[in-house]
Amino acid sequence: MNDRSTRAYEVLLETAESMLADLIEHGCAHRERALDLLAVDALVTYAFEAAAESPSTLAERATSAMLAIARLAAPTSIA
């Protein structure tokens, strides 16, 4: 992955994680938060479009992202 796509992946995923953490903290199970959740989904999608520039690291990045996002929902149950 080149430096530009690596940085894009990192920034997009970090932004998505930050937004999702805020949504979880302030209650995301309400209809009015649907657009915010869709924005998080789009950011993760764009992050993986950038990550796809390097197929050899895609599985590792996907696993790492999945674990990071899961930790947001259950911070004490996922190591």
C-alpha atoms as a PDB file:
ATOM      1  CA  MET A   1       0.000   0.000   0.000  1.00  0.00           C
ATOM      2  CA  ASN A   2       1.430   3.377  -0.851  1.00  0.00           C
ATOM      3  CA  ASP A   3       1.800   6.128   1.749  1.00  0.00           C
ATOM      4  CA  ARG A   4      -1.232   8.034   0.499  1.00  0.00           C
ATOM      5  CA  SER A   5      -3.616   5.062   0.600  1.00  0.00           C
ATOM      6  CA  THR A   6      -2.191   3.949   3.960  1.00  0.00           C
ATOM      7  CA  ARG A   7      -2.830   7.380   5.421  1.00  0.00           C
ATOM      8  CA  ALA A   8      -6.325   7.495   3.901  1.00  0.00           C
ATOM      9  CA  TYR A   9      -7.120   4.106   5.433  1.00  0.00           C
ATOM     10  CA  GLU A  10      -5.836   5.158   8.853  1.00  0.00           C
ATOM     11  CA  VAL A  11      -7.597   8.530   8.926  1.00  0.00           C
ATOM     12  CA  LEU A  12     -10.910   7.162   7.667  1.00  0.00           C
ATOM     13  CA  LEU A  13     -10.909   4.247  10.088  1.00  0.00           C
ATOM     14  CA  GLU A  14      -9.834   6.389  13.054  1.00  0.00           C
ATOM     15  CA  THR A  15     -12.610   8.865  12.249  1.00  0.00           C
ATOM     16  CA  ALA A  16     -15.172   6.075  11.974  1.00  0.00           C
ATOM     17  CA  GLU A  17     -14.056   4.582  15.296  1.00  0.00           C
ATOM     18  CA  SER A  18     -14.210   7.963  16.996  1.00  0.00           C
ATOM     19  CA  MET A  19     -17.674   8.697  15.647  1.00  0.00           C
ATOM     20  CA  LEU A  20     -18.928   5.247  16.614  1.00  0.00           C
ATOM     21  CA  ALA A  21     -17.509   5.563  20.130  1.00  0.00           C
ATOM     22  CA  ASP A  22     -19.356   8.849  20.524  1.00  0.00           C
ATOM     23  CA  LEU A  23     -22.567   7.339  19.178  1.00  0.00           C
ATOM     24  CA  ILE A  24     -22.325   4.388  21.547  1.00  0.00           C
ATOM     25  CA  GLU A  25     -21.588   6.645  24.501  1.00  0.00           C
ATOM     26  CA  HIS A  26     -24.540   8.921  23.756  1.00  0.00           C
ATOM     27  CA  GLY A  27     -26.999   6.301  22.555  1.00  0.00           C
ATOM     28  CA  CYS A  28     -27.102   5.232  18.948  1.00  0.00           C
ATOM     29  CA  ALA A  29     -30.253   3.112  19.135  1.00  0.00           C
ATOM     30  CA  HIS A  30     -32.484   6.013  18.230  1.00  0.00           C
ATOM     31  CA  ARG A  31     -33.921   6.687  14.814  1.00  0.00           C
ATOM     32  CA  GLU A  32     -32.444  10.199  14.695  1.00  0.00           C
ATOM     33  CA  ARG A  33     -28.919   8.691  14.825  1.00  0.00           C
ATOM     34  CA  ALA A  34     -29.425   6.570  11.698  1.00  0.00           C
ATOM     35  CA  LEU A  35     -27.644   9.031   9.421  1.00  0.00           C
ATOM     36  CA  ASP A  36     -24.698   9.166  11.806  1.00  0.00           C
ATOM     37  CA  LEU A  37     -24.461   5.370  11.748  1.00  0.00           C
ATOM     38  CA  LEU A  38     -24.623   5.417   7.950  1.00  0.00           C
ATOM     39  CA  ALA A  39     -21.774   7.942   7.919  1.00  0.00           C
ATOM     40  CA  VAL A  40     -19.682   5.593  10.081  1.00  0.00           C
ATOM     41  CA  ASP A  41     -20.487   2.759   7.697  1.00  0.00           C
ATOM     42  CA  ALA A  42     -19.425   4.874   4.714  1.00  0.00           C
ATOM     43  CA  LEU A  43     -16.144   5.846   6.382  1.00  0.00           C
ATOM     44  CA  VAL A  44     -15.300   2.198   7.032  1.00  0.00           C
ATOM     45  CA  THR A  45     -16.195   1.350   3.435  1.00  0.00           C
ATOM     46  CA  TYR A  46     -13.940   4.111   2.102  1.00  0.00           C
ATOM     47  CA  ALA A  47     -11.165   3.013   4.450  1.00  0.00           C
ATOM     48  CA  PHE A  48     -11.278  -0.454   2.970  1.00  0.00           C
ATOM     49  CA  GLU A  49     -11.370   0.878  -0.558  1.00  0.00           C
ATOM     50  CA  ALA A  50      -8.030   2.503   0.278  1.00  0.00           C
ATOM     51  CA  ALA A  51      -6.792  -0.663   1.999  1.00  0.00           C
ATOM     52  CA  ALA A  52      -7.643  -2.701  -1.101  1.00  0.00           C
ATOM     53  CA  GLU A  53      -4.681  -1.010  -2.799  1.00  0.00           C
ATOM     54  CA  SER A  54      -2.597  -3.625  -0.995  1.00  0.00           C
ATOM     55  CA  PRO A  55      -4.396  -6.981  -1.061  1.00  0.00           C
ATOM     56  CA  SER A  56      -1.579  -8.670   0.871  1.00  0.00           C
ATOM     57  CA  THR A  57      -2.427  -6.680   4.034  1.00  0.00           C
ATOM     58  CA  LEU A  58      -6.206  -6.608   3.634  1.00  0.00           C
ATOM     59  CA  ALA A  59      -7.011  -9.613   5.842  1.00  0.00           C
ATOM     60  CA  GLU A  60      -4.797  -8.313   8.639  1.00  0.00           C
ATOM     61  CA  ARG A  61      -6.347  -4.846   8.421  1.00  0.00           C
ATOM     62  CA  ALA A  62      -9.859  -6.294   8.395  1.00  0.00           C
ATOM     63  CA  THR A  63      -9.188  -8.367  11.496  1.00  0.00           C
ATOM     64  CA  SER A  64      -7.618  -5.425  13.292  1.00  0.00           C
ATOM     65  CA  ALA A  65     -10.491  -3.096  12.387  1.00  0.00           C
ATOM     66  CA  MET A  66     -13.108  -5.655  13.394  1.00  0.00           C
ATOM     67  CA  LEU A  67     -11.506  -6.120  16.811  1.00  0.00           C
ATOM     68  CA  ALA A  68     -11.146  -2.357  17.357  1.00  0.00           C
ATOM     69  CA  ILE A  69     -14.789  -1.733  16.481  1.00  0.00           C
ATOM     70  CA  ALA A  70     -15.957  -4.664  18.613  1.00  0.00           C
ATOM     71  CA  ARG A  71     -14.017  -3.281  21.589  1.00  0.00           C
ATOM     72  CA  LEU A  72     -16.075  -0.102  21.358  1.00  0.00           C
ATOM     73  CA  ALA A  73     -19.284  -2.017  21.968  1.00  0.00           C
ATOM     74  CA  ALA A  74     -17.936  -4.292  24.703  1.00  0.00           C
ATOM     75  CA  PRO A  75     -14.800  -2.738  26.182  1.00  0.00           C
ATOM     76  CA  THR A  76     -14.459  -5.226  29.025  1.00  0.00           C
ATOM     77  CA  SER A  77     -15.207  -8.468  27.181  1.00  0.00           C
ATOM     78  CA  ILE A  78     -12.852  -8.286  24.180  1.00  0.00           C
ATOM     79  CA  ALA A  79      -9.091  -8.292  24.658  1.00  0.00           C
END
